[in-house]
């Protein structure tokens, strides 16, 4: 799993690349929490563009980062989710607290 992030104007985008499972969630959480604490974003975007697989540990990882962000008064959204992961998130109702945005600006620029 590779986790990259970029910050612009108090918006932090966390880009995941690889599989999000119980083996990788600890590393993802640490990197993401450090970036949230460093930048104190008003908005956090979880970008799943390069994620092909995610298990239930990924749900917990996302919720944990959302809770971390809420401590600083930020809001979160998710982008670029494939249908398999979208189905998992829909079943647990995560879109009720973290909205899914169909495309981000980068996706729109590449069309």
PDB file of N, CA and C in Angstrom:
ATOM      1  N   UNK A   1       0.850  -1.181   0.000  1.00  0.00           N
ATOM      2  CA  UNK A   1       0.000   0.000   0.000  1.00  0.00           C
ATOM      3  C   UNK A   1       0.884   1.228   0.000  1.00  0.00           C
ATOM      4  N   UNK A   2       0.560   2.142  -0.859  1.00  0.00           N
ATOM      5  CA  UNK A   2       1.231   3.433  -0.915  1.00  0.00           C
ATOM      6  C   UNK A   2       0.199   4.490  -0.563  1.00  0.00           C
ATOM      7  N   UNK A   3       0.573   5.397   0.324  1.00  0.00           N
ATOM      8  CA  UNK A   3      -0.317   6.485   0.725  1.00  0.00           C
ATOM      9  C   UNK A   3       0.416   7.791   0.454  1.00  0.00           C
ATOM     10  N   UNK A   4      -0.186   8.616  -0.380  1.00  0.00           N
ATOM     11  CA  UNK A   4       0.354   9.942  -0.654  1.00  0.00           C
ATOM     12  C   UNK A   4      -0.696  10.957  -0.247  1.00  0.00           C
ATOM     13  N   UNK A   5      -0.243  12.140   0.060  1.00  0.00           N
ATOM     14  CA  UNK A   5      -1.204  13.183   0.371  1.00  0.00           C
ATOM     15  C   UNK A   5      -0.704  14.507  -0.180  1.00  0.00           C
ATOM     16  N   UNK A   6      -1.650  15.376  -0.424  1.00  0.00           N
ATOM     17  CA  UNK A   6      -1.325  16.727  -0.865  1.00  0.00           C
ATOM     18  C   UNK A   6      -2.273  17.693  -0.180  1.00  0.00           C
ATOM     19  N   UNK A   7      -1.743  18.863   0.155  1.00  0.00           N
ATOM     20  CA  UNK A   7      -2.532  19.860   0.853  1.00  0.00           C
ATOM     21  C   UNK A   7      -2.525  21.140   0.044  1.00  0.00           C
ATOM     22  N   UNK A   8      -3.724  21.707  -0.138  1.00  0.00           N
ATOM     23  CA  UNK A   8      -3.879  22.973  -0.838  1.00  0.00           C
ATOM     24  C   UNK A   8      -5.015  23.741  -0.185  1.00  0.00           C
ATOM     25  N   UNK A   9      -4.739  24.928   0.271  1.00  0.00           N
ATOM     26  CA  UNK A   9      -5.776  25.819   0.826  1.00  0.00           C
ATOM     27  C   UNK A   9      -6.658  25.124   1.859  1.00  0.00           C
ATOM     28  N   UNK A  10      -6.022  24.483   2.836  1.00  0.00           N
ATOM     29  CA  UNK A  10      -6.708  23.804   3.939  1.00  0.00           C
ATOM     30  C   UNK A  10      -7.565  22.623   3.500  1.00  0.00           C
ATOM     31  N   UNK A  11      -7.276  22.089   2.299  1.00  0.00           N
ATOM     32  CA  UNK A  11      -7.895  20.851   1.838  1.00  0.00           C
ATOM     33  C   UNK A  11      -6.792  19.811   1.720  1.00  0.00           C
ATOM     34  N   UNK A  12      -6.980  18.708   2.411  1.00  0.00           N
ATOM     35  CA  UNK A  12      -6.008  17.619   2.394  1.00  0.00           C
ATOM     36  C   UNK A  12      -6.596  16.463   1.605  1.00  0.00           C
ATOM     37  N   UNK A  13      -5.896  16.027   0.573  1.00  0.00           N
ATOM     38  CA  UNK A  13      -6.316  14.874  -0.206  1.00  0.00           C
ATOM     39  C   UNK A  13      -5.380  13.723   0.116  1.00  0.00           C
ATOM     40  N   UNK A  14      -5.959  12.608   0.533  1.00  0.00           N
ATOM     41  CA  UNK A  14      -5.181  11.403   0.811  1.00  0.00           C
ATOM     42  C   UNK A  14      -5.463  10.415  -0.312  1.00  0.00           C
ATOM     43  N   UNK A  15      -4.411  10.062  -1.052  1.00  0.00           N
ATOM     44  CA  UNK A  15      -4.507   9.152  -2.187  1.00  0.00           C
ATOM     45  C   UNK A  15      -4.002   7.770  -1.774  1.00  0.00           C
ATOM     46  N   UNK A  16      -4.861   6.785  -1.921  1.00  0.00           N
ATOM     47  CA  UNK A  16      -4.499   5.408  -1.594  1.00  0.00           C
ATOM     48  C   UNK A  16      -4.146   4.678  -2.886  1.00  0.00           C
ATOM     49  N   UNK A  17      -3.133   3.825  -2.815  1.00  0.00           N
ATOM     50  CA  UNK A  17      -2.718   3.057  -3.984  1.00  0.00           C
ATOM     51  C   UNK A  17      -2.371   1.644  -3.520  1.00  0.00           C
ATOM     52  N   UNK A  18      -3.225   0.694  -3.863  1.00  0.00           N
ATOM     53  CA  UNK A  18      -3.005  -0.691  -3.460  1.00  0.00           C
ATOM     54  C   UNK A  18      -4.224  -1.250  -2.754  1.00  0.00           C
ATOM     55  N   UNK A  19      -3.990  -2.227  -1.901  1.00  0.00           N
ATOM     56  CA  UNK A  19      -5.075  -2.865  -1.163  1.00  0.00           C
ATOM     57  C   UNK A  19      -5.166  -2.291   0.245  1.00  0.00           C
ATOM     58  N   UNK A  20      -6.393  -2.049   0.675  1.00  0.00           N
ATOM     59  CA  UNK A  20      -6.628  -1.583   2.041  1.00  0.00           C
ATOM     60  C   UNK A  20      -7.201  -2.764   2.805  1.00  0.00           C
ATOM     61  N   UNK A  21      -6.358  -3.359   3.648  1.00  0.00           N
ATOM     62  CA  UNK A  21      -6.785  -4.523   4.417  1.00  0.00           C
ATOM     63  C   UNK A  21      -6.173  -4.455   5.812  1.00  0.00           C
ATOM     64  N   UNK A  22      -6.421  -5.484   6.606  1.00  0.00           N
ATOM     65  CA  UNK A  22      -5.945  -5.444   7.994  1.00  0.00           C
ATOM     66  C   UNK A  22      -4.427  -5.366   8.095  1.00  0.00           C
ATOM     67  N   UNK A  23      -3.707  -5.769   7.044  1.00  0.00           N
ATOM     68  CA  UNK A  23      -2.242  -5.684   7.057  1.00  0.00           C
ATOM     69  C   UNK A  23      -1.748  -4.259   6.831  1.00  0.00           C
ATOM     70  N   UNK A  24      -2.477  -3.472   6.068  1.00  0.00           N
ATOM     71  CA  UNK A  24      -2.007  -2.139   5.696  1.00  0.00           C
ATOM     72  C   UNK A  24      -2.661  -1.007   6.494  1.00  0.00           C
ATOM     73  N   UNK A  25      -3.742  -1.279   7.192  1.00  0.00           N
ATOM     74  CA  UNK A  25      -4.497  -0.206   7.852  1.00  0.00           C
ATOM     75  C   UNK A  25      -3.715   0.541   8.931  1.00  0.00           C
ATOM     76  N   UNK A  26      -2.857  -0.122   9.639  1.00  0.00           N
ATOM     77  CA  UNK A  26      -2.062   0.551  10.671  1.00  0.00           C
ATOM     78  C   UNK A  26      -1.156   1.613  10.069  1.00  0.00           C
ATOM     79  N   UNK A  27      -0.474   1.264   9.002  1.00  0.00           N
ATOM     80  CA  UNK A  27       0.407   2.213   8.325  1.00  0.00           C
ATOM     81  C   UNK A  27      -0.395   3.367   7.718  1.00  0.00           C
ATOM     82  N   UNK A  28      -1.504   3.040   7.088  1.00  0.00           N
ATOM     83  CA  UNK A  28      -2.354   4.070   6.484  1.00  0.00           C
ATOM     84  C   UNK A  28      -2.843   5.037   7.558  1.00  0.00           C
ATOM     85  N   UNK A  29      -3.304   4.503   8.681  1.00  0.00           N
ATOM     86  CA  UNK A  29      -3.818   5.337   9.772  1.00  0.00           C
ATOM     87  C   UNK A  29      -2.735   6.272  10.302  1.00  0.00           C
ATOM     88  N   UNK A  30      -1.546   5.763  10.493  1.00  0.00           N
ATOM     89  CA  UNK A  30      -0.447   6.576  11.024  1.00  0.00           C
ATOM     90  C   UNK A  30      -0.099   7.713  10.067  1.00  0.00           C
ATOM     91  N   UNK A  31       0.068   7.396   8.794  1.00  0.00           N
ATOM     92  CA  UNK A  31       0.411   8.419   7.804  1.00  0.00           C
ATOM     93  C   UNK A  31      -0.705   9.459   7.710  1.00  0.00           C
ATOM     94  N   UNK A  32      -1.944   8.994   7.673  1.00  0.00           N
ATOM     95  CA  UNK A  32      -3.086   9.901   7.543  1.00  0.00           C
ATOM     96  C   UNK A  32      -3.241  10.779   8.782  1.00  0.00           C
ATOM     97  N   UNK A  33      -3.133  10.193   9.962  1.00  0.00           N
ATOM     98  CA  UNK A  33      -3.257  10.968  11.200  1.00  0.00           C
ATOM     99  C   UNK A  33      -2.172  12.033  11.293  1.00  0.00           C
ATOM    100  N   UNK A  34      -0.942  11.673  10.920  1.00  0.00           N
ATOM    101  CA  UNK A  34       0.153  12.648  10.952  1.00  0.00           C
ATOM    102  C   UNK A  34      -0.132  13.823  10.023  1.00  0.00           C
ATOM    103  N   UNK A  35      -0.649  13.533   8.829  1.00  0.00           N
ATOM    104  CA  UNK A  35      -0.971  14.605   7.875  1.00  0.00           C
ATOM    105  C   UNK A  35      -2.118  15.476   8.391  1.00  0.00           C
ATOM    106  N   UNK A  36      -3.130  14.858   8.992  1.00  0.00           N
ATOM    107  CA  UNK A  36      -4.262  15.622   9.546  1.00  0.00           C
ATOM    108  C   UNK A  36      -3.779  16.548  10.658  1.00  0.00           C
ATOM    109  N   UNK A  37      -2.928  16.033  11.543  1.00  0.00           N
ATOM    110  CA  UNK A  37      -2.411  16.854  12.640  1.00  0.00           C
ATOM    111  C   UNK A  37      -1.508  17.972  12.118  1.00  0.00           C
ATOM    112  N   UNK A  38      -0.751  17.694  11.082  1.00  0.00           N
ATOM    113  CA  UNK A  38       0.172  18.681  10.529  1.00  0.00           C
ATOM    114  C   UNK A  38      -0.567  19.831   9.844  1.00  0.00           C
ATOM    115  N   UNK A  39      -1.577  19.511   9.031  1.00  0.00           N
ATOM    116  CA  UNK A  39      -2.229  20.522   8.203  1.00  0.00           C
ATOM    117  C   UNK A  39      -3.548  21.054   8.767  1.00  0.00           C
ATOM    118  N   UNK A  40      -4.152  20.342   9.724  1.00  0.00           N
ATOM    119  CA  UNK A  40      -5.440  20.741  10.297  1.00  0.00           C
ATOM    120  C   UNK A  40      -6.419  21.183   9.198  1.00  0.00           C
ATOM    121  N   UNK A  41      -6.730  20.280   8.282  1.00  0.00           N
ATOM    122  CA  UNK A  41      -7.549  20.670   7.125  1.00  0.00           C
ATOM    123  C   UNK A  41      -8.994  20.971   7.488  1.00  0.00           C
ATOM    124  N   UNK A  42      -9.592  21.868   6.712  1.00  0.00           N
ATOM    125  CA  UNK A  42     -11.021  22.114   6.827  1.00  0.00           C
ATOM    126  C   UNK A  42     -11.797  21.064   6.050  1.00  0.00           C
ATOM    127  N   UNK A  43     -11.132  20.499   5.021  1.00  0.00           N
ATOM    128  CA  UNK A  43     -11.754  19.440   4.239  1.00  0.00           C
ATOM    129  C   UNK A  43     -10.713  18.348   3.969  1.00  0.00           C
ATOM    130  N   UNK A  44     -11.148  17.109   4.134  1.00  0.00           N
ATOM    131  CA  UNK A  44     -10.316  15.946   3.860  1.00  0.00           C
ATOM    132  C   UNK A  44     -10.981  15.144   2.749  1.00  0.00           C
ATOM    133  N   UNK A  45     -10.224  14.853   1.704  1.00  0.00           N
ATOM    134  CA  UNK A  45     -10.732  14.058   0.604  1.00  0.00           C
ATOM    135  C   UNK A  45     -10.004  12.718   0.601  1.00  0.00           C
ATOM    136  N   UNK A  46     -10.767  11.631   0.725  1.00  0.00           N
ATOM    137  CA  UNK A  46     -10.225  10.287   0.598  1.00  0.00           C
ATOM    138  C   UNK A  46     -10.345   9.901  -0.877  1.00  0.00           C
ATOM    139  N   UNK A  47      -9.221   9.680  -1.550  1.00  0.00           N
ATOM    140  CA  UNK A  47      -9.236   9.326  -2.973  1.00  0.00           C
ATOM    141  C   UNK A  47      -8.882   7.848  -3.131  1.00  0.00           C
ATOM    142  N   UNK A  48      -9.850   7.069  -3.602  1.00  0.00           N
ATOM    143  CA  UNK A  48      -9.706   5.620  -3.747  1.00  0.00           C
ATOM    144  C   UNK A  48      -9.428   5.210  -5.194  1.00  0.00           C
ATOM    145  N   UNK A  49      -8.954   6.126  -6.007  1.00  0.00           N
ATOM    146  CA  UNK A  49      -8.765   5.884  -7.442  1.00  0.00           C
ATOM    147  C   UNK A  49      -7.969   4.617  -7.733  1.00  0.00           C
ATOM    148  N   UNK A  50      -6.911   4.366  -6.989  1.00  0.00           N
ATOM    149  CA  UNK A  50      -6.031   3.231  -7.262  1.00  0.00           C
ATOM    150  C   UNK A  50      -6.190   2.086  -6.274  1.00  0.00           C
ATOM    151  N   UNK A  51      -7.369   1.989  -5.654  1.00  0.00           N
ATOM    152  CA  UNK A  51      -7.641   0.892  -4.723  1.00  0.00           C
ATOM    153  C   UNK A  51      -8.519  -0.136  -5.426  1.00  0.00           C
ATOM    154  N   UNK A  52      -8.029  -1.352  -5.489  1.00  0.00           N
ATOM    155  CA  UNK A  52      -8.770  -2.432  -6.145  1.00  0.00           C
ATOM    156  C   UNK A  52      -9.468  -3.348  -5.147  1.00  0.00           C
ATOM    157  N   UNK A  53      -9.002  -3.351  -3.886  1.00  0.00           N
ATOM    158  CA  UNK A  53      -9.562  -4.238  -2.872  1.00  0.00           C
ATOM    159  C   UNK A  53      -9.551  -3.535  -1.529  1.00  0.00           C
ATOM    160  N   UNK A  54     -10.601  -3.762  -0.748  1.00  0.00           N
ATOM    161  CA  UNK A  54     -10.659  -3.265   0.616  1.00  0.00           C
ATOM    162  C   UNK A  54     -11.490  -4.227   1.443  1.00  0.00           C
ATOM    163  N   UNK A  55     -11.020  -4.546   2.653  1.00  0.00           N
ATOM    164  CA  UNK A  55     -11.812  -5.386   3.543  1.00  0.00           C
ATOM    165  C   UNK A  55     -12.398  -4.533   4.665  1.00  0.00           C
ATOM    166  N   UNK A  56     -13.016  -5.177   5.641  1.00  0.00           N
ATOM    167  CA  UNK A  56     -13.715  -4.446   6.703  1.00  0.00           C
ATOM    168  C   UNK A  56     -12.777  -3.579   7.533  1.00  0.00           C
ATOM    169  N   UNK A  57     -11.510  -3.921   7.599  1.00  0.00           N
ATOM    170  CA  UNK A  57     -10.558  -3.082   8.330  1.00  0.00           C
ATOM    171  C   UNK A  57     -10.464  -1.699   7.692  1.00  0.00           C
ATOM    172  N   UNK A  58     -10.661  -1.626   6.390  1.00  0.00           N
ATOM    173  CA  UNK A  58     -10.638  -0.344   5.693  1.00  0.00           C
ATOM    174  C   UNK A  58     -11.763   0.569   6.134  1.00  0.00           C
ATOM    175  N   UNK A  59     -12.912  -0.010   6.434  1.00  0.00           N
ATOM    176  CA  UNK A  59     -14.042   0.781   6.932  1.00  0.00           C
ATOM    177  C   UNK A  59     -13.655   1.430   8.258  1.00  0.00           C
ATOM    178  N   UNK A  60     -13.092   0.653   9.142  1.00  0.00           N
ATOM    179  CA  UNK A  60     -12.654   1.176  10.433  1.00  0.00           C
ATOM    180  C   UNK A  60     -11.584   2.241  10.287  1.00  0.00           C
ATOM    181  N   UNK A  61     -10.671   2.045   9.332  1.00  0.00           N
ATOM    182  CA  UNK A  61      -9.621   3.026   9.102  1.00  0.00           C
ATOM    183  C   UNK A  61     -10.221   4.353   8.647  1.00  0.00           C
ATOM    184  N   UNK A  62     -11.167   4.314   7.731  1.00  0.00           N
ATOM    185  CA  UNK A  62     -11.799   5.534   7.228  1.00  0.00           C
ATOM    186  C   UNK A  62     -12.562   6.237   8.353  1.00  0.00           C
ATOM    187  N   UNK A  63     -13.347   5.491   9.114  1.00  0.00           N
ATOM    188  CA  UNK A  63     -14.109   6.070  10.224  1.00  0.00           C
ATOM    189  C   UNK A  63     -13.168   6.689  11.262  1.00  0.00           C
ATOM    190  N   UNK A  64     -12.068   6.022  11.546  1.00  0.00           N
ATOM    191  CA  UNK A  64     -11.098   6.554  12.503  1.00  0.00           C
ATOM    192  C   UNK A  64     -10.497   7.872  12.051  1.00  0.00           C
ATOM    193  N   UNK A  65     -10.195   7.992  10.767  1.00  0.00           N
ATOM    194  CA  UNK A  65      -9.631   9.240  10.242  1.00  0.00           C
ATOM    195  C   UNK A  65     -10.696  10.335  10.246  1.00  0.00           C
ATOM    196  N   UNK A  66     -11.936   9.945   9.976  1.00  0.00           N
ATOM    197  CA  UNK A  66     -13.048  10.894  10.031  1.00  0.00           C
ATOM    198  C   UNK A  66     -13.194  11.445  11.452  1.00  0.00           C
ATOM    199  N   UNK A  67     -13.134  10.581  12.442  1.00  0.00           N
ATOM    200  CA  UNK A  67     -13.235  11.026  13.837  1.00  0.00           C
ATOM    201  C   UNK A  67     -12.072  11.941  14.204  1.00  0.00           C
ATOM    202  N   UNK A  68     -10.880  11.608  13.731  1.00  0.00           N
ATOM    203  CA  UNK A  68      -9.709  12.455  13.978  1.00  0.00           C
ATOM    204  C   UNK A  68      -9.943  13.848  13.379  1.00  0.00           C
ATOM    205  N   UNK A  69     -10.447  13.888  12.162  1.00  0.00           N
ATOM    206  CA  UNK A  69     -10.711  15.148  11.480  1.00  0.00           C
ATOM    207  C   UNK A  69     -11.769  15.969  12.215  1.00  0.00           C
ATOM    208  N   UNK A  70     -12.797  15.312  12.713  1.00  0.00           N
ATOM    209  CA  UNK A  70     -13.883  16.005  13.406  1.00  0.00           C
ATOM    210  C   UNK A  70     -13.379  16.746  14.647  1.00  0.00           C
ATOM    211  N   UNK A  71     -12.327  16.251  15.268  1.00  0.00           N
ATOM    212  CA  UNK A  71     -11.758  16.924  16.437  1.00  0.00           C
ATOM    213  C   UNK A  71     -11.261  18.317  16.091  1.00  0.00           C
ATOM    214  N   UNK A  72     -10.893  18.497  14.820  1.00  0.00           N
ATOM    215  CA  UNK A  72     -10.379  19.782  14.354  1.00  0.00           C
ATOM    216  C   UNK A  72     -11.434  20.585  13.596  1.00  0.00           C
ATOM    217  N   UNK A  73     -12.669  20.092  13.577  1.00  0.00           N
ATOM    218  CA  UNK A  73     -13.757  20.809  12.939  1.00  0.00           C
ATOM    219  C   UNK A  73     -13.823  20.676  11.433  1.00  0.00           C
ATOM    220  N   UNK A  74     -13.141  19.683  10.868  1.00  0.00           N
ATOM    221  CA  UNK A  74     -13.137  19.509   9.418  1.00  0.00           C
ATOM    222  C   UNK A  74     -14.274  18.638   8.909  1.00  0.00           C
ATOM    223  N   UNK A  75     -14.408  18.627   7.599  1.00  0.00           N
ATOM    224  CA  UNK A  75     -15.404  17.795   6.919  1.00  0.00           C
ATOM    225  C   UNK A  75     -14.667  16.889   5.941  1.00  0.00           C
ATOM    226  N   UNK A  76     -15.292  15.753   5.623  1.00  0.00           N
ATOM    227  CA  UNK A  76     -14.648  14.780   4.740  1.00  0.00           C
ATOM    228  C   UNK A  76     -15.560  14.425   3.573  1.00  0.00           C
ATOM    229  N   UNK A  77     -14.931  13.938   2.509  1.00  0.00           N
ATOM    230  CA  UNK A  77     -15.655  13.377   1.382  1.00  0.00           C
ATOM    231  C   UNK A  77     -14.778  12.313   0.727  1.00  0.00           C
ATOM    232  N   UNK A  78     -15.417  11.495  -0.098  1.00  0.00           N
ATOM    233  CA  UNK A  78     -14.698  10.422  -0.783  1.00  0.00           C
ATOM    234  C   UNK A  78     -14.889  10.562  -2.288  1.00  0.00           C
ATOM    235  N   UNK A  79     -13.862  10.198  -3.042  1.00  0.00           N
ATOM    236  CA  UNK A  79     -13.927  10.261  -4.495  1.00  0.00           C
ATOM    237  C   UNK A  79     -13.326   8.998  -5.102  1.00  0.00           C
ATOM    238  N   UNK A  80     -13.698   8.764  -6.355  1.00  0.00           N
ATOM    239  CA  UNK A  80     -13.087   7.713  -7.181  1.00  0.00           C
ATOM    240  C   UNK A  80     -13.162   6.321  -6.561  1.00  0.00           C
ATOM    241  N   UNK A  81     -14.350   5.910  -6.172  1.00  0.00           N
ATOM    242  CA  UNK A  81     -14.541   4.605  -5.543  1.00  0.00           C
ATOM    243  C   UNK A  81     -15.089   3.630  -6.575  1.00  0.00           C
ATOM    244  N   UNK A  82     -14.447   2.452  -6.688  1.00  0.00           N
ATOM    245  CA  UNK A  82     -14.959   1.455  -7.633  1.00  0.00           C
ATOM    246  C   UNK A  82     -16.242   0.821  -7.080  1.00  0.00           C
ATOM    247  N   UNK A  83     -16.943   0.108  -7.930  1.00  0.00           N
ATOM    248  CA  UNK A  83     -18.256  -0.432  -7.552  1.00  0.00           C
ATOM    249  C   UNK A  83     -18.209  -1.419  -6.397  1.00  0.00           C
ATOM    250  N   UNK A  84     -17.147  -2.236  -6.302  1.00  0.00           N
ATOM    251  CA  UNK A  84     -17.048  -3.200  -5.200  1.00  0.00           C
ATOM    252  C   UNK A  84     -16.920  -2.490  -3.850  1.00  0.00           C
ATOM    253  N   UNK A  85     -16.058  -1.491  -3.799  1.00  0.00           N
ATOM    254  CA  UNK A  85     -15.862  -0.755  -2.550  1.00  0.00           C
ATOM    255  C   UNK A  85     -17.094   0.098  -2.251  1.00  0.00           C
ATOM    256  N   UNK A  86     -17.700   0.650  -3.283  1.00  0.00           N
ATOM    257  CA  UNK A  86     -18.919   1.444  -3.103  1.00  0.00           C
ATOM    258  C   UNK A  86     -20.017   0.590  -2.478  1.00  0.00           C
ATOM    259  N   UNK A  87     -20.117  -0.662  -2.904  1.00  0.00           N
ATOM    260  CA  UNK A  87     -21.118  -1.567  -2.349  1.00  0.00           C
ATOM    261  C   UNK A  87     -20.861  -1.806  -0.860  1.00  0.00           C
ATOM    262  N   UNK A  88     -19.611  -2.001  -0.485  1.00  0.00           N
ATOM    263  CA  UNK A  88     -19.252  -2.213   0.927  1.00  0.00           C
ATOM    264  C   UNK A  88     -19.630  -0.985   1.753  1.00  0.00           C
ATOM    265  N   UNK A  89     -19.235   0.195   1.286  1.00  0.00           N
ATOM    266  CA  UNK A  89     -19.551   1.423   2.010  1.00  0.00           C
ATOM    267  C   UNK A  89     -21.059   1.655   2.096  1.00  0.00           C
ATOM    268  N   UNK A  90     -21.784   1.333   1.036  1.00  0.00           N
ATOM    269  CA  UNK A  90     -23.237   1.504   1.051  1.00  0.00           C
ATOM    270  C   UNK A  90     -23.891   0.597   2.086  1.00  0.00           C
ATOM    271  N   UNK A  91     -23.427  -0.645   2.172  1.00  0.00           N
ATOM    272  CA  UNK A  91     -24.012  -1.601   3.120  1.00  0.00           C
ATOM    273  C   UNK A  91     -23.880  -1.136   4.565  1.00  0.00           C
ATOM    274  N   UNK A  92     -22.768  -0.492   4.889  1.00  0.00           N
ATOM    275  CA  UNK A  92     -22.560  -0.059   6.269  1.00  0.00           C
ATOM    276  C   UNK A  92     -23.061   1.366   6.512  1.00  0.00           C
ATOM    277  N   UNK A  93     -23.530   2.040   5.467  1.00  0.00           N
ATOM    278  CA  UNK A  93     -24.099   3.368   5.626  1.00  0.00           C
ATOM    279  C   UNK A  93     -23.101   4.499   5.787  1.00  0.00           C
ATOM    280  N   UNK A  94     -21.880   4.298   5.364  1.00  0.00           N
ATOM    281  CA  UNK A  94     -20.842   5.311   5.571  1.00  0.00           C
ATOM    282  C   UNK A  94     -21.122   6.604   4.798  1.00  0.00           C
ATOM    283  N   UNK A  95     -21.858   6.487   3.684  1.00  0.00           N
ATOM    284  CA  UNK A  95     -22.142   7.688   2.889  1.00  0.00           C
ATOM    285  C   UNK A  95     -23.083   8.654   3.605  1.00  0.00           C
ATOM    286  N   UNK A  96     -23.699   8.209   4.683  1.00  0.00           N
ATOM    287  CA  UNK A  96     -24.547   9.100   5.474  1.00  0.00           C
ATOM    288  C   UNK A  96     -23.713  10.103   6.265  1.00  0.00           C
ATOM    289  N   UNK A  97     -22.460   9.749   6.543  1.00  0.00           N
ATOM    290  CA  UNK A  97     -21.595  10.661   7.299  1.00  0.00           C
ATOM    291  C   UNK A  97     -20.452  11.238   6.464  1.00  0.00           C
ATOM    292  N   UNK A  98     -20.001  10.487   5.473  1.00  0.00           N
ATOM    293  CA  UNK A  98     -18.943  10.971   4.578  1.00  0.00           C
ATOM    294  C   UNK A  98     -19.477  10.861   3.152  1.00  0.00           C
ATOM    295  N   UNK A  99     -19.819  11.989   2.540  1.00  0.00           N
ATOM    296  CA  UNK A  99     -20.423  11.922   1.212  1.00  0.00           C
ATOM    297  C   UNK A  99     -19.462  11.435   0.135  1.00  0.00           C
ATOM    298  N   UNK A 100     -20.036  10.776  -0.851  1.00  0.00           N
ATOM    299  CA  UNK A 100     -19.305  10.357  -2.039  1.00  0.00           C
ATOM    300  C   UNK A 100     -19.502  11.427  -3.093  1.00  0.00           C
ATOM    301  N   UNK A 101     -18.390  11.962  -3.581  1.00  0.00           N
ATOM    302  CA  UNK A 101     -18.419  12.937  -4.663  1.00  0.00           C
ATOM    303  C   UNK A 101     -18.006  12.168  -5.910  1.00  0.00           C
ATOM    304  N   UNK A 102     -18.830  12.203  -6.952  1.00  0.00           N
ATOM    305  CA  UNK A 102     -18.622  11.324  -8.095  1.00  0.00           C
ATOM    306  C   UNK A 102     -17.296  11.537  -8.795  1.00  0.00           C
ATOM    307  N   UNK A 103     -16.880  12.782  -8.940  1.00  0.00           N
ATOM    308  CA  UNK A 103     -15.609  13.049  -9.593  1.00  0.00           C
ATOM    309  C   UNK A 103     -14.973  14.250  -8.921  1.00  0.00           C
ATOM    310  N   UNK A 104     -13.639  14.247  -8.889  1.00  0.00           N
ATOM    311  CA  UNK A 104     -12.953  15.432  -8.379  1.00  0.00           C
ATOM    312  C   UNK A 104     -12.424  16.239  -9.556  1.00  0.00           C
ATOM    313  N   UNK A 105     -11.833  17.360  -9.291  1.00  0.00           N
ATOM    314  CA  UNK A 105     -11.370  18.252 -10.341  1.00  0.00           C
ATOM    315  C   UNK A 105     -10.349  17.578 -11.252  1.00  0.00           C
ATOM    316  N   UNK A 106      -9.489  16.745 -10.694  1.00  0.00           N
ATOM    317  CA  UNK A 106      -8.483  16.062 -11.498  1.00  0.00           C
ATOM    318  C   UNK A 106      -9.154  15.107 -12.480  1.00  0.00           C
ATOM    319  N   UNK A 107     -10.160  14.379 -12.026  1.00  0.00           N
ATOM    320  CA  UNK A 107     -10.874  13.462 -12.898  1.00  0.00           C
ATOM    321  C   UNK A 107     -11.547  14.217 -14.036  1.00  0.00           C
ATOM    322  N   UNK A 108     -12.134  15.362 -13.715  1.00  0.00           N
ATOM    323  CA  UNK A 108     -12.818  16.149 -14.730  1.00  0.00           C
ATOM    324  C   UNK A 108     -11.828  16.686 -15.756  1.00  0.00           C
ATOM    325  N   UNK A 109     -10.641  17.035 -15.317  1.00  0.00           N
ATOM    326  CA  UNK A 109      -9.623  17.577 -16.224  1.00  0.00           C
ATOM    327  C   UNK A 109      -9.130  16.520 -17.196  1.00  0.00           C
ATOM    328  N   UNK A 110      -9.198  15.251 -16.809  1.00  0.00           N
ATOM    329  CA  UNK A 110      -8.683  14.171 -17.644  1.00  0.00           C
ATOM    330  C   UNK A 110      -9.730  13.610 -18.599  1.00  0.00           C
ATOM    331  N   UNK A 111     -10.922  14.175 -18.658  1.00  0.00           N
ATOM    332  CA  UNK A 111     -11.961  13.660 -19.547  1.00  0.00           C
ATOM    333  C   UNK A 111     -12.035  14.427 -20.833  1.00  0.00           C
TER     334      UNK A 111
END
